[in-house]
Amino acid sequence: MEYDEQQRDIILRIISLLTASAEWMRAEEGTEDEEDDLSRLGLVGDLVKEVLPAVEIPEGTAVSDLGAVIGEQMSHALTRLAAGFVFAWSELAEVHDEGRGDISSADVLRELALEVEARRG
């Protein structure tokens, strides 16, 4: 996959989030509390805030046109975010489909992060 600096940063953040979420899921049941949940949601929220641009509504925009204006400004960022998740998922799925029991999902994500970082120009 070819990507620019912004997409590379998005992919690295997604990999970090996926790695953290795997750790959350492996944590013993019953040890979670509301504070942990809020912290986890905060990490997801941080990613969304970093990726999505501030929306600028031109002066005089009709209320009926707001959806189109917002959609146009958000579509590129949402596409980048979705593409990053699809890329990471496809890499994990490939290892799974090959039946590789010798490597964990965390290892796959770590290797993927190193590959993405190595392509930094």
N, C-alpha and C. Protein backbone atom coordinates (compact mmCIF):
# COMPACT_ATOMS: atom_id res chain seq x y z
N MET A 1 0.85 -1.18 0.00
CA MET A 1 0.00 0.00 0.00
C MET A 1 0.89 1.24 0.00
N GLU A 2 0.61 2.15 -0.89
CA GLU A 2 1.33 3.41 -0.94
C GLU A 2 0.55 4.45 -0.14
N TYR A 3 1.25 5.26 0.63
CA TYR A 3 0.57 6.25 1.43
C TYR A 3 1.50 7.42 1.71
N ASP A 4 0.88 8.57 1.96
CA ASP A 4 1.64 9.77 2.26
C ASP A 4 1.89 9.86 3.77
N GLU A 5 2.54 10.91 4.17
CA GLU A 5 2.91 11.10 5.58
C GLU A 5 1.68 11.09 6.49
N GLN A 6 0.63 11.77 6.08
CA GLN A 6 -0.58 11.82 6.91
C GLN A 6 -1.20 10.43 7.06
N GLN A 7 -1.28 9.67 5.95
CA GLN A 7 -1.85 8.33 6.03
C GLN A 7 -0.96 7.42 6.87
N ARG A 8 0.33 7.59 6.77
CA ARG A 8 1.27 6.79 7.57
C ARG A 8 1.02 7.02 9.06
N ASP A 9 0.85 8.28 9.43
CA ASP A 9 0.58 8.59 10.83
C ASP A 9 -0.75 8.01 11.30
N ILE A 10 -1.75 8.05 10.43
CA ILE A 10 -3.05 7.47 10.77
C ILE A 10 -2.90 5.97 10.98
N ILE A 11 -2.19 5.30 10.08
CA ILE A 11 -2.01 3.85 10.20
C ILE A 11 -1.27 3.51 11.48
N LEU A 12 -0.24 4.26 11.82
CA LEU A 12 0.50 4.00 13.05
C LEU A 12 -0.39 4.19 14.28
N ARG A 13 -1.24 5.20 14.27
CA ARG A 13 -2.17 5.40 15.39
C ARG A 13 -3.17 4.26 15.49
N ILE A 14 -3.64 3.79 14.34
CA ILE A 14 -4.58 2.66 14.31
C ILE A 14 -3.91 1.42 14.86
N ILE A 15 -2.68 1.17 14.44
CA ILE A 15 -1.95 0.00 14.95
C ILE A 15 -1.80 0.09 16.46
N SER A 16 -1.48 1.27 16.94
CA SER A 16 -1.35 1.47 18.39
C SER A 16 -2.68 1.20 19.09
N LEU A 17 -3.76 1.69 18.53
CA LEU A 17 -5.08 1.48 19.12
C LEU A 17 -5.47 0.00 19.08
N LEU A 18 -5.19 -0.68 17.97
CA LEU A 18 -5.51 -2.11 17.88
C LEU A 18 -4.68 -2.92 18.87
N THR A 19 -3.42 -2.56 19.03
CA THR A 19 -2.56 -3.26 19.99
C THR A 19 -3.10 -3.07 21.41
N ALA A 20 -3.45 -1.84 21.74
CA ALA A 20 -4.00 -1.56 23.07
C ALA A 20 -5.33 -2.29 23.27
N SER A 21 -6.16 -2.31 22.25
CA SER A 21 -7.47 -2.97 22.41
C SER A 21 -7.31 -4.47 22.59
N ALA A 22 -6.30 -5.06 21.97
CA ALA A 22 -6.04 -6.50 22.18
C ALA A 22 -5.67 -6.75 23.64
N GLU A 23 -4.88 -5.85 24.22
CA GLU A 23 -4.52 -5.98 25.63
C GLU A 23 -5.74 -5.82 26.52
N TRP A 24 -6.63 -4.90 26.17
CA TRP A 24 -7.85 -4.70 26.95
C TRP A 24 -8.69 -5.96 26.94
N MET A 25 -8.81 -6.57 25.77
CA MET A 25 -9.65 -7.76 25.64
C MET A 25 -9.07 -8.95 26.38
N ARG A 26 -7.76 -8.99 26.52
CA ARG A 26 -7.11 -10.10 27.20
C ARG A 26 -7.08 -9.93 28.72
N ALA A 27 -7.39 -8.73 29.17
CA ALA A 27 -7.40 -8.47 30.61
C ALA A 27 -8.44 -9.37 31.26
N GLU A 28 -8.16 -9.74 32.49
CA GLU A 28 -9.10 -10.61 33.20
C GLU A 28 -10.45 -9.94 33.34
N GLU A 29 -11.50 -10.72 33.12
CA GLU A 29 -12.85 -10.20 33.31
C GLU A 29 -13.05 -9.87 34.78
N GLY A 30 -13.81 -8.84 35.01
CA GLY A 30 -14.10 -8.45 36.38
C GLY A 30 -13.10 -7.45 36.94
N THR A 31 -12.00 -7.19 36.21
CA THR A 31 -11.01 -6.24 36.71
C THR A 31 -11.23 -4.85 36.12
N GLU A 32 -12.14 -4.76 35.16
CA GLU A 32 -12.39 -3.48 34.52
C GLU A 32 -13.28 -2.62 35.41
N ASP A 33 -13.08 -1.34 35.31
CA ASP A 33 -13.98 -0.43 36.01
C ASP A 33 -14.35 0.71 35.07
N GLU A 34 -15.21 1.57 35.54
CA GLU A 34 -15.71 2.66 34.71
C GLU A 34 -14.57 3.58 34.26
N GLU A 35 -13.59 3.79 35.12
CA GLU A 35 -12.46 4.64 34.78
C GLU A 35 -11.67 4.05 33.61
N ASP A 36 -11.47 2.72 33.61
CA ASP A 36 -10.79 2.06 32.49
C ASP A 36 -11.56 2.27 31.20
N ASP A 37 -12.87 2.09 31.27
CA ASP A 37 -13.71 2.26 30.08
C ASP A 37 -13.60 3.67 29.53
N LEU A 38 -13.63 4.67 30.40
CA LEU A 38 -13.51 6.05 29.97
C LEU A 38 -12.15 6.33 29.36
N SER A 39 -11.11 5.75 29.93
CA SER A 39 -9.77 5.92 29.39
C SER A 39 -9.67 5.33 27.99
N ARG A 40 -10.26 4.16 27.81
CA ARG A 40 -10.24 3.50 26.50
C ARG A 40 -11.01 4.31 25.47
N LEU A 41 -12.16 4.80 25.87
CA LEU A 41 -12.93 5.64 24.96
C LEU A 41 -12.16 6.91 24.61
N GLY A 42 -11.41 7.41 25.56
CA GLY A 42 -10.60 8.59 25.31
C GLY A 42 -9.56 8.36 24.24
N LEU A 43 -8.94 7.18 24.22
CA LEU A 43 -7.95 6.86 23.19
C LEU A 43 -8.60 6.83 21.81
N VAL A 44 -9.78 6.26 21.73
CA VAL A 44 -10.51 6.22 20.46
C VAL A 44 -10.89 7.64 20.06
N GLY A 45 -11.38 8.41 21.00
CA GLY A 45 -11.74 9.80 20.73
C GLY A 45 -10.56 10.63 20.27
N ASP A 46 -9.39 10.39 20.86
CA ASP A 46 -8.19 11.12 20.45
C ASP A 46 -7.87 10.84 18.99
N LEU A 47 -7.97 9.58 18.59
CA LEU A 47 -7.70 9.22 17.19
C LEU A 47 -8.68 9.93 16.27
N VAL A 48 -9.94 9.90 16.61
CA VAL A 48 -10.95 10.54 15.78
C VAL A 48 -10.69 12.04 15.67
N LYS A 49 -10.37 12.69 16.80
CA LYS A 49 -10.10 14.13 16.78
C LYS A 49 -8.88 14.46 15.93
N GLU A 50 -7.86 13.61 15.97
CA GLU A 50 -6.66 13.86 15.17
C GLU A 50 -6.92 13.71 13.68
N VAL A 51 -7.77 12.77 13.33
CA VAL A 51 -7.99 12.46 11.92
C VAL A 51 -9.02 13.38 11.28
N LEU A 52 -10.08 13.68 12.00
CA LEU A 52 -11.15 14.48 11.41
C LEU A 52 -10.83 15.97 11.49
N PRO A 53 -11.04 16.67 10.39
CA PRO A 53 -10.74 18.10 10.38
C PRO A 53 -11.84 18.90 11.08
N ALA A 54 -11.49 20.11 11.45
CA ALA A 54 -12.52 21.03 11.93
C ALA A 54 -13.36 21.42 10.72
N VAL A 55 -14.65 21.43 10.89
CA VAL A 55 -15.55 21.76 9.79
C VAL A 55 -15.75 23.27 9.75
N GLU A 56 -15.60 23.81 8.57
CA GLU A 56 -15.83 25.24 8.38
C GLU A 56 -17.09 25.42 7.55
N ILE A 57 -18.05 26.10 8.14
CA ILE A 57 -19.31 26.37 7.45
C ILE A 57 -19.22 27.78 6.87
N PRO A 58 -19.23 27.87 5.55
CA PRO A 58 -19.17 29.21 4.94
C PRO A 58 -20.36 30.07 5.37
N GLU A 59 -20.07 31.32 5.58
CA GLU A 59 -21.12 32.25 5.98
C GLU A 59 -22.22 32.25 4.92
N GLY A 60 -23.44 32.26 5.38
CA GLY A 60 -24.57 32.29 4.47
C GLY A 60 -25.02 30.93 3.97
N THR A 61 -24.41 29.85 4.48
CA THR A 61 -24.82 28.51 4.07
C THR A 61 -26.23 28.24 4.57
N ALA A 62 -27.07 27.79 3.67
CA ALA A 62 -28.45 27.46 4.05
C ALA A 62 -28.46 26.22 4.92
N VAL A 63 -29.38 26.19 5.86
CA VAL A 63 -29.51 25.04 6.76
C VAL A 63 -29.68 23.76 5.95
N SER A 64 -30.40 23.83 4.86
CA SER A 64 -30.64 22.65 4.03
C SER A 64 -29.36 22.14 3.36
N ASP A 65 -28.33 22.98 3.29
CA ASP A 65 -27.06 22.59 2.66
C ASP A 65 -26.00 22.14 3.66
N LEU A 66 -26.29 22.23 4.95
CA LEU A 66 -25.30 21.89 5.97
C LEU A 66 -24.79 20.47 5.84
N GLY A 67 -25.67 19.52 5.63
CA GLY A 67 -25.25 18.12 5.51
C GLY A 67 -24.26 17.92 4.38
N ALA A 68 -24.52 18.52 3.25
CA ALA A 68 -23.63 18.38 2.10
C ALA A 68 -22.27 19.03 2.37
N VAL A 69 -22.28 20.19 2.99
CA VAL A 69 -21.03 20.89 3.30
C VAL A 69 -20.19 20.08 4.27
N ILE A 70 -20.81 19.59 5.33
CA ILE A 70 -20.09 18.79 6.33
C ILE A 70 -19.61 17.48 5.71
N GLY A 71 -20.47 16.82 4.96
CA GLY A 71 -20.11 15.56 4.32
C GLY A 71 -18.92 15.71 3.39
N GLU A 72 -18.91 16.77 2.63
CA GLU A 72 -17.81 17.01 1.69
C GLU A 72 -16.49 17.20 2.43
N GLN A 73 -16.53 17.94 3.52
CA GLN A 73 -15.30 18.20 4.27
C GLN A 73 -14.82 16.98 5.04
N MET A 74 -15.73 16.12 5.46
CA MET A 74 -15.36 14.96 6.27
C MET A 74 -15.03 13.72 5.45
N SER A 75 -15.52 13.63 4.23
CA SER A 75 -15.41 12.38 3.47
C SER A 75 -13.96 11.95 3.26
N HIS A 76 -13.08 12.86 2.96
CA HIS A 76 -11.68 12.50 2.71
C HIS A 76 -11.04 11.94 3.98
N ALA A 77 -11.26 12.60 5.10
CA ALA A 77 -10.68 12.14 6.37
C ALA A 77 -11.26 10.79 6.78
N LEU A 78 -12.56 10.61 6.62
CA LEU A 78 -13.17 9.33 6.97
C LEU A 78 -12.68 8.21 6.07
N THR A 79 -12.45 8.53 4.80
CA THR A 79 -11.90 7.53 3.88
C THR A 79 -10.51 7.12 4.32
N ARG A 80 -9.69 8.07 4.73
CA ARG A 80 -8.33 7.76 5.22
C ARG A 80 -8.39 6.88 6.47
N LEU A 81 -9.30 7.20 7.37
CA LEU A 81 -9.44 6.43 8.60
C LEU A 81 -9.88 5.00 8.28
N ALA A 82 -10.89 4.87 7.44
CA ALA A 82 -11.37 3.54 7.06
C ALA A 82 -10.28 2.75 6.33
N ALA A 83 -9.56 3.40 5.44
CA ALA A 83 -8.49 2.72 4.70
C ALA A 83 -7.40 2.22 5.64
N GLY A 84 -7.10 2.98 6.67
CA GLY A 84 -6.10 2.55 7.65
C GLY A 84 -6.54 1.31 8.40
N PHE A 85 -7.81 1.28 8.82
CA PHE A 85 -8.32 0.10 9.52
C PHE A 85 -8.38 -1.11 8.58
N VAL A 86 -8.79 -0.90 7.34
CA VAL A 86 -8.85 -1.99 6.37
C VAL A 86 -7.46 -2.56 6.13
N PHE A 87 -6.48 -1.69 6.00
CA PHE A 87 -5.10 -2.12 5.78
C PHE A 87 -4.61 -2.98 6.94
N ALA A 88 -4.78 -2.50 8.16
CA ALA A 88 -4.33 -3.26 9.33
C ALA A 88 -5.09 -4.58 9.44
N TRP A 89 -6.39 -4.55 9.22
CA TRP A 89 -7.19 -5.77 9.31
C TRP A 89 -6.75 -6.78 8.26
N SER A 90 -6.49 -6.33 7.04
CA SER A 90 -6.11 -7.27 5.98
C SER A 90 -4.77 -7.92 6.28
N GLU A 91 -3.86 -7.18 6.90
CA GLU A 91 -2.57 -7.77 7.28
C GLU A 91 -2.76 -8.84 8.35
N LEU A 92 -3.60 -8.55 9.33
CA LEU A 92 -3.89 -9.54 10.37
C LEU A 92 -4.61 -10.76 9.79
N ALA A 93 -5.56 -10.51 8.89
CA ALA A 93 -6.32 -11.61 8.28
C ALA A 93 -5.42 -12.50 7.44
N GLU A 94 -4.47 -11.92 6.76
CA GLU A 94 -3.56 -12.71 5.92
C GLU A 94 -2.77 -13.71 6.77
N VAL A 95 -2.25 -13.25 7.89
CA VAL A 95 -1.49 -14.13 8.78
C VAL A 95 -2.42 -15.21 9.34
N HIS A 96 -3.61 -14.82 9.73
CA HIS A 96 -4.58 -15.80 10.25
C HIS A 96 -4.92 -16.85 9.20
N ASP A 97 -5.20 -16.39 7.98
CA ASP A 97 -5.61 -17.31 6.91
C ASP A 97 -4.49 -18.26 6.50
N GLU A 98 -3.26 -17.84 6.72
CA GLU A 98 -2.12 -18.72 6.44
C GLU A 98 -1.95 -19.78 7.52
N GLY A 99 -2.73 -19.67 8.59
CA GLY A 99 -2.66 -20.65 9.67
C GLY A 99 -1.41 -20.51 10.52
N ARG A 100 -0.87 -19.32 10.55
CA ARG A 100 0.37 -19.08 11.30
C ARG A 100 0.08 -19.04 12.79
N GLY A 101 0.41 -20.10 13.47
CA GLY A 101 0.24 -20.14 14.91
C GLY A 101 1.49 -19.71 15.65
N ASP A 102 2.55 -19.44 14.90
CA ASP A 102 3.83 -19.08 15.51
C ASP A 102 3.97 -17.59 15.77
N ILE A 103 2.96 -16.82 15.40
CA ILE A 103 3.05 -15.37 15.57
C ILE A 103 1.71 -14.85 16.12
N SER A 104 1.80 -14.00 17.11
CA SER A 104 0.59 -13.45 17.72
C SER A 104 0.12 -12.22 16.94
N SER A 105 -1.10 -11.81 17.20
CA SER A 105 -1.61 -10.60 16.55
C SER A 105 -0.78 -9.39 16.97
N ALA A 106 -0.33 -9.37 18.21
CA ALA A 106 0.51 -8.26 18.68
C ALA A 106 1.83 -8.22 17.90
N ASP A 107 2.39 -9.40 17.62
CA ASP A 107 3.62 -9.46 16.83
C ASP A 107 3.39 -8.98 15.40
N VAL A 108 2.26 -9.37 14.82
CA VAL A 108 1.93 -8.92 13.46
C VAL A 108 1.81 -7.40 13.44
N LEU A 109 1.11 -6.85 14.41
CA LEU A 109 0.94 -5.40 14.47
C LEU A 109 2.27 -4.69 14.69
N ARG A 110 3.12 -5.26 15.53
CA ARG A 110 4.44 -4.68 15.77
C ARG A 110 5.26 -4.66 14.48
N GLU A 111 5.27 -5.79 13.76
CA GLU A 111 6.00 -5.86 12.50
C GLU A 111 5.43 -4.88 11.48
N LEU A 112 4.12 -4.78 11.44
CA LEU A 112 3.47 -3.85 10.52
C LEU A 112 3.86 -2.41 10.84
N ALA A 113 3.88 -2.06 12.11
CA ALA A 113 4.28 -0.70 12.50
C ALA A 113 5.72 -0.41 12.08
N LEU A 114 6.60 -1.39 12.24
CA LEU A 114 7.99 -1.21 11.82
C LEU A 114 8.10 -1.03 10.32
N GLU A 115 7.32 -1.80 9.55
CA GLU A 115 7.33 -1.66 8.09
C GLU A 115 6.82 -0.28 7.67
N VAL A 116 5.73 0.15 8.28
CA VAL A 116 5.16 1.45 7.95
C VAL A 116 6.15 2.56 8.30
N GLU A 117 6.76 2.46 9.46
CA GLU A 117 7.74 3.47 9.89
C GLU A 117 8.96 3.48 8.97
N ALA A 118 9.38 2.32 8.50
CA ALA A 118 10.55 2.23 7.62
C ALA A 118 10.32 2.93 6.29
N ARG A 119 9.07 3.08 5.89
CA ARG A 119 8.75 3.75 4.62
C ARG A 119 8.70 5.27 4.76
N ARG A 120 8.94 5.75 5.97
CA ARG A 120 8.93 7.20 6.18
C ARG A 120 10.04 7.82 5.35
N GLY A 121 9.69 8.86 4.62
CA GLY A 121 10.62 9.47 3.68
C GLY A 121 11.49 10.47 4.23
